[in-house]
């Protein structure tokens, strides 16, 4: 913050927000486009302003889609909105398009019920085991306390 907003003095009735605008790598850029360089900016905005308002104050023009998702900052990219990039560290498959994720050759584990319930099939959760342990501990303590009072 100190380095980015050093030249933007504080002002009563506003706040300063340091922004780092990183448009990504050339490998993930749309065909025919080169991403602009990473840049920093200090936005001076109203105390109740949002981060989107801070971005809009320093990186015009912004382009939005119909659901108010930011699609472009300072005109980059020229078209499209939210397309998935390769996710493989920027490697492309030679066609100019990001490569598709590699398919796994390992068979998928299946518990036989045909559904994906997301529990991993590893038995009871740790929380359940801890809860059972706590109940047992309280039961043992109650028995011990009852015998001690006799």
Foldseek 3Di string as FASTA:
>chain_A
DCVACVVPDDDPQWDKDKDWDCPDQQLQAPPPDHDDHIDIHIFIGGPPDDVVVSQVRPFPDWDADPVRDTADTNCPPVDDRDDDGQPPVSDPPPPSHRDHDDDDPDDDDDPPPPDCPPPPPPDDDPVVVVVVVVVVVVVVVVVVVVVVVD
